[in-house]
Every structure is written in C-alpha cells, then in structure tokens.
Amino acid sequence: MLEAISSTAISTAQAASRATEAQAISPAATPAMQSGGDVGFESVMKQVTTDAIGTLKAGEAASISAMQGKESTRRVVEALMSAEQALQTAVAVRDKVVQAYQEVVRMSI
C-alpha cells in the first residue's frame, strides 16, 4: 500500500516537475504573447506574480507531502529551492520598483 502511494506521489511530482521545466524552457510563451496582443508592463508583472505564487504553493505542497511521507527528499529540496528563488526574484523586482518610484519623486518638474 505504501509503495502504491509513493509511486503515485512520485509520478504526480514528476508530471508537475516536467510542466515546470517546460514552462522554464519557454517562458516567452505567455498567454498574452500567444494571442498576439500587446504585452504591457502590467500583464508581464501579473504573469510573473502568478508564477511566483504558484511556485511558492508548490513548495508548500511538497513540504506537506514530505511530512506525510508521500514525497522524496530530493523533490522537496528542488521545490523549496525553486520557491526560494521565486521569492528572491519577487523581492528584487519590488526593490527596483520602489527605487524607480523614489527617483521619479525626486525629479524636479
């Protein structure tokens, strides 16, 4: 029974990993770009935010599965490293946006 649960969890994790890898390989294939519409700053930021939130949720789910004994340690470490990288990227982007705003505020009219 435990082997069946483990193999199901591993195959689910592998499918999720393949989907994440496919997305990482072609990040330019966002829905806005596929439709041929104009890509604005807002849509790009929304997509990046959605991807970061999804990565963080996947890391949390992997951690919970590991605590239940359904996930391998290797997969958990990969998911957490990916979540950490997404969080660091989000913080860096936030810092740059705040810095740009402060520069605009300091400009004389």
PDB file of N, CA and C in Angstrom:
ATOM      1  N   MET A   1       0.829  -1.189   0.000  1.00  0.00           N
ATOM      2  CA  MET A   1       0.000   0.000   0.000  1.00  0.00           C
ATOM      3  C   MET A   1       0.873   1.252   0.000  1.00  0.00           C
ATOM      4  N   LEU A   2       1.887   1.284   0.860  1.00  0.00           N
ATOM      5  CA  LEU A   2       2.772   2.437   0.934  1.00  0.00           C
ATOM      6  C   LEU A   2       3.517   2.629  -0.376  1.00  0.00           C
ATOM      7  N   GLU A   3       3.906   1.516  -1.018  1.00  0.00           N
ATOM      8  CA  GLU A   3       4.601   1.619  -2.293  1.00  0.00           C
ATOM      9  C   GLU A   3       3.695   2.211  -3.362  1.00  0.00           C
ATOM     10  N   ALA A   4       2.403   1.851  -3.350  1.00  0.00           N
ATOM     11  CA  ALA A   4       1.466   2.390  -4.334  1.00  0.00           C
ATOM     12  C   ALA A   4       1.279   3.887  -4.134  1.00  0.00           C
ATOM     13  N   ILE A   5       1.177   4.317  -2.874  1.00  0.00           N
ATOM     14  CA  ILE A   5       1.029   5.744  -2.586  1.00  0.00           C
ATOM     15  C   ILE A   5       2.286   6.487  -2.993  1.00  0.00           C
ATOM     16  N   SER A   6       3.445   5.913  -2.666  1.00  0.00           N
ATOM     17  CA  SER A   6       4.716   6.560  -3.006  1.00  0.00           C
ATOM     18  C   SER A   6       4.878   6.687  -4.519  1.00  0.00           C
ATOM     19  N   SER A   7       4.538   5.620  -5.257  1.00  0.00           N
ATOM     20  CA  SER A   7       4.694   5.684  -6.712  1.00  0.00           C
ATOM     21  C   SER A   7       3.715   6.673  -7.328  1.00  0.00           C
ATOM     22  N   THR A   8       2.511   6.779  -6.768  1.00  0.00           N
ATOM     23  CA  THR A   8       1.550   7.759  -7.254  1.00  0.00           C
ATOM     24  C   THR A   8       2.043   9.171  -6.974  1.00  0.00           C
ATOM     25  N   ALA A   9       2.559   9.393  -5.775  1.00  0.00           N
ATOM     26  CA  ALA A   9       3.075  10.719  -5.424  1.00  0.00           C
ATOM     27  C   ALA A   9       4.278  11.082  -6.283  1.00  0.00           C
ATOM     28  N   ILE A  10       5.145  10.100  -6.533  1.00  0.00           N
ATOM     29  CA  ILE A  10       6.324  10.361  -7.346  1.00  0.00           C
ATOM     30  C   ILE A  10       5.923  10.674  -8.780  1.00  0.00           C
ATOM     31  N   SER A  11       4.971   9.901  -9.344  1.00  0.00           N
ATOM     32  CA  SER A  11       4.560  10.180 -10.716  1.00  0.00           C
ATOM     33  C   SER A  11       3.864  11.530 -10.827  1.00  0.00           C
ATOM     34  N   THR A  12       3.090  11.911  -9.814  1.00  0.00           N
ATOM     35  CA  THR A  12       2.453  13.227  -9.805  1.00  0.00           C
ATOM     36  C   THR A  12       3.507  14.318  -9.706  1.00  0.00           C
ATOM     37  N   ALA A  13       4.488  14.118  -8.850  1.00  0.00           N
ATOM     38  CA  ALA A  13       5.562  15.099  -8.696  1.00  0.00           C
ATOM     39  C   ALA A  13       6.382  15.209  -9.977  1.00  0.00           C
ATOM     40  N   GLN A  14       6.627  14.073 -10.642  1.00  0.00           N
ATOM     41  CA  GLN A  14       7.380  14.114 -11.887  1.00  0.00           C
ATOM     42  C   GLN A  14       6.604  14.848 -12.970  1.00  0.00           C
ATOM     43  N   ALA A  15       5.295  14.657 -13.028  1.00  0.00           N
ATOM     44  CA  ALA A  15       4.480  15.370 -14.011  1.00  0.00           C
ATOM     45  C   ALA A  15       4.508  16.870 -13.742  1.00  0.00           C
ATOM     46  N   ALA A  16       4.424  17.240 -12.464  1.00  0.00           N
ATOM     47  CA  ALA A  16       4.487  18.658 -12.108  1.00  0.00           C
ATOM     48  C   ALA A  16       5.858  19.225 -12.428  1.00  0.00           C
ATOM     49  N   SER A  17       6.901  18.435 -12.194  1.00  0.00           N
ATOM     50  CA  SER A  17       8.259  18.881 -12.485  1.00  0.00           C
ATOM     51  C   SER A  17       8.452  19.089 -13.985  1.00  0.00           C
ATOM     52  N   ARG A  18       7.911  18.169 -14.789  1.00  0.00           N
ATOM     53  CA  ARG A  18       8.011  18.316 -16.244  1.00  0.00           C
ATOM     54  C   ARG A  18       7.281  19.558 -16.724  1.00  0.00           C
ATOM     55  N   ALA A  19       6.113  19.832 -16.142  1.00  0.00           N
ATOM     56  CA  ALA A  19       5.360  21.030 -16.524  1.00  0.00           C
ATOM     57  C   ALA A  19       6.129  22.285 -16.158  1.00  0.00           C
ATOM     58  N   THR A  20       6.757  22.286 -14.983  1.00  0.00           N
ATOM     59  CA  THR A  20       7.557  23.431 -14.547  1.00  0.00           C
ATOM     60  C   THR A  20       8.768  23.604 -15.454  1.00  0.00           C
ATOM     61  N   GLU A  21       9.422  22.493 -15.817  1.00  0.00           N
ATOM     62  CA  GLU A  21      10.581  22.573 -16.702  1.00  0.00           C
ATOM     63  C   GLU A  21      10.179  23.090 -18.076  1.00  0.00           C
ATOM     64  N   ALA A  22       9.040  22.643 -18.585  1.00  0.00           N
ATOM     65  CA  ALA A  22       8.580  23.104 -19.896  1.00  0.00           C
ATOM     66  C   ALA A  22       8.296  24.598 -19.857  1.00  0.00           C
ATOM     67  N   GLN A  23       7.744  25.056 -18.755  1.00  0.00           N
ATOM     68  CA  GLN A  23       7.473  26.481 -18.613  1.00  0.00           C
ATOM     69  C   GLN A  23       8.779  27.261 -18.495  1.00  0.00           C
ATOM     70  N   ALA A  24       9.767  26.697 -17.811  1.00  0.00           N
ATOM     71  CA  ALA A  24      11.050  27.378 -17.657  1.00  0.00           C
ATOM     72  C   ALA A  24      11.804  27.447 -18.978  1.00  0.00           C
ATOM     73  N   ILE A  25      11.626  26.452 -19.817  1.00  0.00           N
ATOM     74  CA  ILE A  25      12.311  26.429 -21.101  1.00  0.00           C
ATOM     75  C   ILE A  25      11.754  27.508 -22.024  1.00  0.00           C
ATOM     76  N   SER A  26      10.440  27.697 -22.009  1.00  0.00           N
ATOM     77  CA  SER A  26       9.839  28.682 -22.904  1.00  0.00           C
ATOM     78  C   SER A  26       9.000  29.685 -22.124  1.00  0.00           C
ATOM     79  N   PRO A  27       9.642  30.524 -21.307  1.00  0.00           N
ATOM     80  CA  PRO A  27       8.876  31.494 -20.542  1.00  0.00           C
ATOM     81  C   PRO A  27       8.250  32.566 -21.409  1.00  0.00           C
ATOM     82  N   ALA A  28       8.735  32.733 -22.628  1.00  0.00           N
ATOM     83  CA  ALA A  28       8.190  33.756 -23.512  1.00  0.00           C
ATOM     84  C   ALA A  28       6.816  33.369 -24.057  1.00  0.00           C
ATOM     85  N   ALA A  29       6.421  32.141 -23.861  1.00  0.00           N
ATOM     86  CA  ALA A  29       5.142  31.681 -24.387  1.00  0.00           C
ATOM     87  C   ALA A  29       4.020  31.936 -23.395  1.00  0.00           C
ATOM     88  N   THR A  30       3.884  33.167 -22.975  1.00  0.00           N
ATOM     89  CA  THR A  30       2.807  33.532 -22.065  1.00  0.00           C
ATOM     90  C   THR A  30       1.523  33.689 -22.848  1.00  0.00           C
ATOM     91  N   PRO A  31       0.364  33.579 -22.193  1.00  0.00           N
ATOM     92  CA  PRO A  31      -0.909  33.699 -22.900  1.00  0.00           C
ATOM     93  C   PRO A  31      -1.050  35.016 -23.654  1.00  0.00           C
ATOM     94  N   ALA A  32      -0.555  36.117 -23.103  1.00  0.00           N
ATOM     95  CA  ALA A  32      -0.668  37.405 -23.784  1.00  0.00           C
ATOM     96  C   ALA A  32       0.122  37.402 -25.086  1.00  0.00           C
ATOM     97  N   MET A  33       1.273  36.736 -25.090  1.00  0.00           N
ATOM     98  CA  MET A  33       2.088  36.695 -26.303  1.00  0.00           C
ATOM     99  C   MET A  33       1.501  35.725 -27.314  1.00  0.00           C
ATOM    100  N   GLN A  34       0.896  34.647 -26.854  1.00  0.00           N
ATOM    101  CA  GLN A  34       0.318  33.673 -27.754  1.00  0.00           C
ATOM    102  C   GLN A  34      -0.871  34.246 -28.500  1.00  0.00           C
ATOM    103  N   SER A  35      -1.617  35.146 -27.865  1.00  0.00           N
ATOM    104  CA  SER A  35      -2.791  35.719 -28.506  1.00  0.00           C
ATOM    105  C   SER A  35      -2.401  36.781 -29.526  1.00  0.00           C
ATOM    106  N   GLY A  36      -1.138  37.203 -29.517  1.00  0.00           N
ATOM    107  CA  GLY A  36      -0.677  38.181 -30.475  1.00  0.00           C
ATOM    108  C   GLY A  36      -0.976  39.609 -30.056  1.00  0.00           C
ATOM    109  N   GLY A  37      -1.496  39.807 -28.839  1.00  0.00           N
ATOM    110  CA  GLY A  37      -1.820  41.138 -28.352  1.00  0.00           C
ATOM    111  C   GLY A  37      -0.587  41.844 -27.837  1.00  0.00           C
ATOM    112  N   ASP A  38      -0.769  43.124 -27.565  1.00  0.00           N
ATOM    113  CA  ASP A  38       0.323  43.899 -26.995  1.00  0.00           C
ATOM    114  C   ASP A  38       0.617  43.422 -25.581  1.00  0.00           C
ATOM    115  N   VAL A  39       1.882  43.345 -25.265  1.00  0.00           N
ATOM    116  CA  VAL A  39       2.304  42.930 -23.936  1.00  0.00           C
ATOM    117  C   VAL A  39       2.732  44.179 -23.184  1.00  0.00           C
ATOM    118  N   GLY A  40       1.987  44.500 -22.127  1.00  0.00           N
ATOM    119  CA  GLY A  40       2.306  45.668 -21.337  1.00  0.00           C
ATOM    120  C   GLY A  40       2.989  45.282 -20.044  1.00  0.00           C
ATOM    121  N   PHE A  41       3.479  46.308 -19.375  1.00  0.00           N
ATOM    122  CA  PHE A  41       4.167  46.096 -18.107  1.00  0.00           C
ATOM    123  C   PHE A  41       3.248  45.427 -17.096  1.00  0.00           C
ATOM    124  N   GLU A  42       2.006  45.862 -17.061  1.00  0.00           N
ATOM    125  CA  GLU A  42       1.045  45.310 -16.103  1.00  0.00           C
ATOM    126  C   GLU A  42       0.822  43.819 -16.330  1.00  0.00           C
ATOM    127  N   SER A  43       0.634  43.416 -17.579  1.00  0.00           N
ATOM    128  CA  SER A  43       0.384  41.998 -17.856  1.00  0.00           C
ATOM    129  C   SER A  43       1.608  41.139 -17.551  1.00  0.00           C
ATOM    130  N   VAL A  44       2.796  41.677 -17.827  1.00  0.00           N
ATOM    131  CA  VAL A  44       4.024  40.929 -17.528  1.00  0.00           C
ATOM    132  C   VAL A  44       4.186  40.765 -16.016  1.00  0.00           C
ATOM    133  N   MET A  45       3.969  41.850 -15.279  1.00  0.00           N
ATOM    134  CA  MET A  45       4.094  41.781 -13.821  1.00  0.00           C
ATOM    135  C   MET A  45       3.048  40.840 -13.226  1.00  0.00           C
ATOM    136  N   LYS A  46       1.840  40.861 -13.776  1.00  0.00           N
ATOM    137  CA  LYS A  46       0.791  39.968 -13.289  1.00  0.00           C
ATOM    138  C   LYS A  46       1.179  38.508 -13.517  1.00  0.00           C
ATOM    139  N   GLN A  47       1.735  38.213 -14.690  1.00  0.00           N
ATOM    140  CA  GLN A  47       2.160  36.849 -15.003  1.00  0.00           C
ATOM    141  C   GLN A  47       3.303  36.400 -14.103  1.00  0.00           C
ATOM    142  N   VAL A  48       4.269  37.279 -13.887  1.00  0.00           N
ATOM    143  CA  VAL A  48       5.406  36.950 -13.016  1.00  0.00           C
ATOM    144  C   VAL A  48       4.919  36.696 -11.592  1.00  0.00           C
ATOM    145  N   THR A  49       3.999  37.537 -11.120  1.00  0.00           N
ATOM    146  CA  THR A  49       3.456  37.362  -9.775  1.00  0.00           C
ATOM    147  C   THR A  49       2.701  36.046  -9.656  1.00  0.00           C
ATOM    148  N   THR A  50       1.887  35.738 -10.650  1.00  0.00           N
ATOM    149  CA  THR A  50       1.130  34.482 -10.639  1.00  0.00           C
ATOM    150  C   THR A  50       2.068  33.281 -10.637  1.00  0.00           C
ATOM    151  N   ASP A  51       3.125  33.344 -11.436  1.00  0.00           N
ATOM    152  CA  ASP A  51       4.097  32.246 -11.475  1.00  0.00           C
ATOM    153  C   ASP A  51       4.816  32.084 -10.133  1.00  0.00           C
ATOM    154  N   ALA A  52       5.179  33.208  -9.513  1.00  0.00           N
ATOM    155  CA  ALA A  52       5.870  33.148  -8.216  1.00  0.00           C
ATOM    156  C   ALA A  52       4.960  32.554  -7.148  1.00  0.00           C
ATOM    157  N   ILE A  53       3.706  32.959  -7.145  1.00  0.00           N
ATOM    158  CA  ILE A  53       2.751  32.416  -6.167  1.00  0.00           C
ATOM    159  C   ILE A  53       2.572  30.919  -6.386  1.00  0.00           C
ATOM    160  N   GLY A  54       2.471  30.504  -7.645  1.00  0.00           N
ATOM    161  CA  GLY A  54       2.340  29.072  -7.945  1.00  0.00           C
ATOM    162  C   GLY A  54       3.553  28.274  -7.495  1.00  0.00           C
ATOM    163  N   THR A  55       4.725  28.844  -7.681  1.00  0.00           N
ATOM    164  CA  THR A  55       5.960  28.175  -7.254  1.00  0.00           C
ATOM    165  C   THR A  55       6.017  28.049  -5.737  1.00  0.00           C
ATOM    166  N   LEU A  56       5.614  29.108  -5.034  1.00  0.00           N
ATOM    167  CA  LEU A  56       5.596  29.051  -3.566  1.00  0.00           C
ATOM    168  C   LEU A  56       4.592  28.025  -3.067  1.00  0.00           C
ATOM    169  N   LYS A  57       3.426  27.967  -3.701  1.00  0.00           N
ATOM    170  CA  LYS A  57       2.421  26.971  -3.309  1.00  0.00           C
ATOM    171  C   LYS A  57       2.905  25.551  -3.582  1.00  0.00           C
ATOM    172  N   ALA A  58       3.620  25.361  -4.684  1.00  0.00           N
ATOM    173  CA  ALA A  58       4.162  24.033  -4.997  1.00  0.00           C
ATOM    174  C   ALA A  58       5.198  23.617  -3.963  1.00  0.00           C
ATOM    175  N   GLY A  59       6.004  24.571  -3.507  1.00  0.00           N
ATOM    176  CA  GLY A  59       6.978  24.277  -2.456  1.00  0.00           C
ATOM    177  C   GLY A  59       6.308  23.887  -1.150  1.00  0.00           C
ATOM    178  N   GLU A  60       5.236  24.609  -0.803  1.00  0.00           N
ATOM    179  CA  GLU A  60       4.492  24.270   0.412  1.00  0.00           C
ATOM    180  C   GLU A  60       3.842  22.897   0.297  1.00  0.00           C
ATOM    181  N   ALA A  61       3.272  22.614  -0.865  1.00  0.00           N
ATOM    182  CA  ALA A  61       2.627  21.313  -1.075  1.00  0.00           C
ATOM    183  C   ALA A  61       3.646  20.175  -0.996  1.00  0.00           C
ATOM    184  N   ALA A  62       4.827  20.394  -1.553  1.00  0.00           N
ATOM    185  CA  ALA A  62       5.871  19.369  -1.485  1.00  0.00           C
ATOM    186  C   ALA A  62       6.307  19.143  -0.041  1.00  0.00           C
ATOM    187  N   SER A  63       6.398  20.222   0.730  1.00  0.00           N
ATOM    188  CA  SER A  63       6.782  20.092   2.145  1.00  0.00           C
ATOM    189  C   SER A  63       5.743  19.300   2.925  1.00  0.00           C
ATOM    190  N   ILE A  64       4.487  19.597   2.677  1.00  0.00           N
ATOM    191  CA  ILE A  64       3.409  18.891   3.368  1.00  0.00           C
ATOM    192  C   ILE A  64       3.405  17.414   2.968  1.00  0.00           C
ATOM    193  N   SER A  65       3.603  17.144   1.671  1.00  0.00           N
ATOM    194  CA  SER A  65       3.654  15.755   1.210  1.00  0.00           C
ATOM    195  C   SER A  65       4.826  15.009   1.836  1.00  0.00           C
ATOM    196  N   ALA A  66       5.940  15.693   2.026  1.00  0.00           N
ATOM    197  CA  ALA A  66       7.103  15.054   2.644  1.00  0.00           C
ATOM    198  C   ALA A  66       6.820  14.716   4.098  1.00  0.00           C
ATOM    199  N   MET A  67       6.124  15.620   4.790  1.00  0.00           N
ATOM    200  CA  MET A  67       5.788  15.341   6.188  1.00  0.00           C
ATOM    201  C   MET A  67       4.850  14.149   6.312  1.00  0.00           C
ATOM    202  N   GLN A  68       4.042  13.929   5.292  1.00  0.00           N
ATOM    203  CA  GLN A  68       3.131  12.791   5.285  1.00  0.00           C
ATOM    204  C   GLN A  68       3.798  11.539   4.740  1.00  0.00           C
ATOM    205  N   GLY A  69       5.044  11.669   4.303  1.00  0.00           N
ATOM    206  CA  GLY A  69       5.785  10.523   3.790  1.00  0.00           C
ATOM    207  C   GLY A  69       5.458  10.199   2.347  1.00  0.00           C
ATOM    208  N   LYS A  70       4.879  11.133   1.616  1.00  0.00           N
ATOM    209  CA  LYS A  70       4.463  10.887   0.237  1.00  0.00           C
ATOM    210  C   LYS A  70       5.434  11.446  -0.795  1.00  0.00           C
ATOM    211  N   GLU A  71       6.444  12.164  -0.362  1.00  0.00           N
ATOM    212  CA  GLU A  71       7.338  12.862  -1.286  1.00  0.00           C
ATOM    213  C   GLU A  71       8.792  12.556  -0.936  1.00  0.00           C
ATOM    214  N   SER A  72       9.614  12.465  -1.962  1.00  0.00           N
ATOM    215  CA  SER A  72      11.034  12.202  -1.730  1.00  0.00           C
ATOM    216  C   SER A  72      11.734  13.481  -1.265  1.00  0.00           C
ATOM    217  N   THR A  73      12.806  13.316  -0.560  1.00  0.00           N
ATOM    218  CA  THR A  73      13.575  14.453  -0.052  1.00  0.00           C
ATOM    219  C   THR A  73      14.133  15.281  -1.194  1.00  0.00           C
ATOM    220  N   ARG A  74      14.569  14.614  -2.235  1.00  0.00           N
ATOM    221  CA  ARG A  74      15.133  15.307  -3.396  1.00  0.00           C
ATOM    222  C   ARG A  74      14.108  16.246  -4.017  1.00  0.00           C
ATOM    223  N   ARG A  75      12.893  15.777  -4.191  1.00  0.00           N
ATOM    224  CA  ARG A  75      11.828  16.596  -4.799  1.00  0.00           C
ATOM    225  C   ARG A  75      11.487  17.777  -3.891  1.00  0.00           C
ATOM    226  N   VAL A  76      11.476  17.552  -2.589  1.00  0.00           N
ATOM    227  CA  VAL A  76      11.169  18.632  -1.647  1.00  0.00           C
ATOM    228  C   VAL A  76      12.239  19.710  -1.717  1.00  0.00           C
ATOM    229  N   VAL A  77      13.502  19.296  -1.751  1.00  0.00           N
ATOM    230  CA  VAL A  77      14.594  20.260  -1.826  1.00  0.00           C
ATOM    231  C   VAL A  77      14.503  21.048  -3.132  1.00  0.00           C
ATOM    232  N   GLU A  78      14.215  20.370  -4.238  1.00  0.00           N
ATOM    233  CA  GLU A  78      14.072  21.071  -5.518  1.00  0.00           C
ATOM    234  C   GLU A  78      12.942  22.089  -5.465  1.00  0.00           C
ATOM    235  N   ALA A  79      11.804  21.692  -4.910  1.00  0.00           N
ATOM    236  CA  ALA A  79      10.651  22.586  -4.833  1.00  0.00           C
ATOM    237  C   ALA A  79      10.940  23.781  -3.930  1.00  0.00           C
ATOM    238  N   LEU A  80      11.599  23.534  -2.812  1.00  0.00           N
ATOM    239  CA  LEU A  80      11.913  24.636  -1.901  1.00  0.00           C
ATOM    240  C   LEU A  80      12.964  25.580  -2.482  1.00  0.00           C
ATOM    241  N   MET A  81      13.933  25.046  -3.195  1.00  0.00           N
ATOM    242  CA  MET A  81      14.933  25.904  -3.835  1.00  0.00           C
ATOM    243  C   MET A  81      14.284  26.770  -4.910  1.00  0.00           C
ATOM    244  N   SER A  82      13.370  26.180  -5.651  1.00  0.00           N
ATOM    245  CA  SER A  82      12.649  26.937  -6.675  1.00  0.00           C
ATOM    246  C   SER A  82      11.786  28.028  -6.037  1.00  0.00           C
ATOM    247  N   ALA A  83      11.134  27.696  -4.927  1.00  0.00           N
ATOM    248  CA  ALA A  83      10.314  28.681  -4.216  1.00  0.00           C
ATOM    249  C   ALA A  83      11.189  29.803  -3.657  1.00  0.00           C
ATOM    250  N   GLU A  84      12.352  29.453  -3.138  1.00  0.00           N
ATOM    251  CA  GLU A  84      13.261  30.460  -2.607  1.00  0.00           C
ATOM    252  C   GLU A  84      13.735  31.402  -3.713  1.00  0.00           C
ATOM    253  N   GLN A  85      14.052  30.847  -4.866  1.00  0.00           N
ATOM    254  CA  GLN A  85      14.488  31.660  -5.990  1.00  0.00           C
ATOM    255  C   GLN A  85      13.365  32.589  -6.454  1.00  0.00           C
ATOM    256  N   ALA A  86      12.135  32.088  -6.498  1.00  0.00           N
ATOM    257  CA  ALA A  86      10.994  32.925  -6.899  1.00  0.00           C
ATOM    258  C   ALA A  86      10.779  34.060  -5.906  1.00  0.00           C
ATOM    259  N   LEU A  87      10.924  33.764  -4.627  1.00  0.00           N
ATOM    260  CA  LEU A  87      10.748  34.796  -3.612  1.00  0.00           C
ATOM    261  C   LEU A  87      11.858  35.850  -3.705  1.00  0.00           C
ATOM    262  N   GLN A  88      13.088  35.421  -3.895  1.00  0.00           N
ATOM    263  CA  GLN A  88      14.199  36.371  -4.044  1.00  0.00           C
ATOM    264  C   GLN A  88      14.010  37.249  -5.274  1.00  0.00           C
ATOM    265  N   THR A  89      13.514  36.683  -6.355  1.00  0.00           N
ATOM    266  CA  THR A  89      13.249  37.452  -7.568  1.00  0.00           C
ATOM    267  C   THR A  89      12.160  38.479  -7.317  1.00  0.00           C
ATOM    268  N   ALA A  90      11.093  38.071  -6.635  1.00  0.00           N
ATOM    269  CA  ALA A  90       9.997  38.994  -6.333  1.00  0.00           C
ATOM    270  C   ALA A  90      10.473  40.149  -5.461  1.00  0.00           C
ATOM    271  N   VAL A  91      11.301  39.860  -4.489  1.00  0.00           N
ATOM    272  CA  VAL A  91      11.830  40.910  -3.609  1.00  0.00           C
ATOM    273  C   VAL A  91      12.741  41.853  -4.396  1.00  0.00           C
ATOM    274  N   ALA A  92      13.563  41.303  -5.286  1.00  0.00           N
ATOM    275  CA  ALA A  92      14.450  42.142  -6.096  1.00  0.00           C
ATOM    276  C   ALA A  92      13.657  43.056  -7.024  1.00  0.00           C
ATOM    277  N   VAL A  93      12.611  42.528  -7.633  1.00  0.00           N
ATOM    278  CA  VAL A  93      11.766  43.345  -8.507  1.00  0.00           C
ATOM    279  C   VAL A  93      11.070  44.429  -7.698  1.00  0.00           C
ATOM    280  N   ARG A  94      10.561  44.072  -6.534  1.00  0.00           N
ATOM    281  CA  ARG A  94       9.914  45.061  -5.670  1.00  0.00           C
ATOM    282  C   ARG A  94      10.886  46.179  -5.303  1.00  0.00           C
ATOM    283  N   ASP A  95      12.106  45.817  -4.954  1.00  0.00           N
ATOM    284  CA  ASP A  95      13.112  46.814  -4.596  1.00  0.00           C
ATOM    285  C   ASP A  95      13.403  47.753  -5.760  1.00  0.00           C
ATOM    286  N   LYS A  96      13.496  47.207  -6.961  1.00  0.00           N
ATOM    287  CA  LYS A  96      13.768  48.042  -8.137  1.00  0.00           C
ATOM    288  C   LYS A  96      12.591  48.975  -8.434  1.00  0.00           C
ATOM    289  N   VAL A  97      11.372  48.483  -8.258  1.00  0.00           N
ATOM    290  CA  VAL A  97      10.195  49.329  -8.489  1.00  0.00           C
ATOM    291  C   VAL A  97      10.159  50.465  -7.473  1.00  0.00           C
ATOM    292  N   VAL A  98      10.434  50.171  -6.223  1.00  0.00           N
ATOM    293  CA  VAL A  98      10.453  51.212  -5.184  1.00  0.00           C
ATOM    294  C   VAL A  98      11.558  52.214  -5.475  1.00  0.00           C
ATOM    295  N   GLN A  99      12.725  51.741  -5.882  1.00  0.00           N
ATOM    296  CA  GLN A  99      13.836  52.624  -6.208  1.00  0.00           C
ATOM    297  C   GLN A  99      13.478  53.538  -7.386  1.00  0.00           C
ATOM    298  N   ALA A 100      12.847  52.989  -8.408  1.00  0.00           N
ATOM    299  CA  ALA A 100      12.440  53.800  -9.557  1.00  0.00           C
ATOM    300  C   ALA A 100      11.404  54.833  -9.146  1.00  0.00           C
ATOM    301  N   TYR A 101      10.462  54.450  -8.301  1.00  0.00           N
ATOM    302  CA  TYR A 101       9.454  55.395  -7.822  1.00  0.00           C
ATOM    303  C   TYR A 101      10.110  56.537  -7.060  1.00  0.00           C
ATOM    304  N   GLN A 102      11.062  56.213  -6.207  1.00  0.00           N
ATOM    305  CA  GLN A 102      11.744  57.254  -5.426  1.00  0.00           C
ATOM    306  C   GLN A 102      12.509  58.212  -6.337  1.00  0.00           C
ATOM    307  N   GLU A 103      13.105  57.700  -7.402  1.00  0.00           N
ATOM    308  CA  GLU A 103      13.814  58.561  -8.332  1.00  0.00           C
ATOM    309  C   GLU A 103      12.842  59.490  -9.061  1.00  0.00           C
ATOM    310  N   VAL A 104      11.686  58.978  -9.429  1.00  0.00           N
ATOM    311  CA  VAL A 104      10.696  59.802 -10.105  1.00  0.00           C
ATOM    312  C   VAL A 104      10.182  60.893  -9.165  1.00  0.00           C
ATOM    313  N   VAL A 105       9.987  60.557  -7.906  1.00  0.00           N
ATOM    314  CA  VAL A 105       9.507  61.528  -6.931  1.00  0.00           C
ATOM    315  C   VAL A 105      10.528  62.645  -6.738  1.00  0.00           C
ATOM    316  N   ARG A 106      11.807  62.328  -6.781  1.00  0.00           N
ATOM    317  CA  ARG A 106      12.860  63.314  -6.587  1.00  0.00           C
ATOM    318  C   ARG A 106      13.070  64.248  -7.775  1.00  0.00           C
ATOM    319  N   MET A 107      12.526  63.883  -8.935  1.00  0.00           N
ATOM    320  CA  MET A 107      12.722  64.706 -10.127  1.00  0.00           C
ATOM    321  C   MET A 107      12.030  66.055  -9.970  1.00  0.00           C
ATOM    322  N   SER A 108      12.693  67.077 -10.472  1.00  0.00           N
ATOM    323  CA  SER A 108      12.055  68.397 -10.449  1.00  0.00           C
ATOM    324  C   SER A 108      11.248  68.588 -11.723  1.00  0.00           C
ATOM    325  N   ILE A 109      10.166  69.303 -11.560  1.00  0.00           N
ATOM    326  CA  ILE A 109       9.261  69.494 -12.713  1.00  0.00           C
ATOM    327  C   ILE A 109       9.567  70.771 -13.433  1.00  0.00           C
TER     328      ILE A 109
END
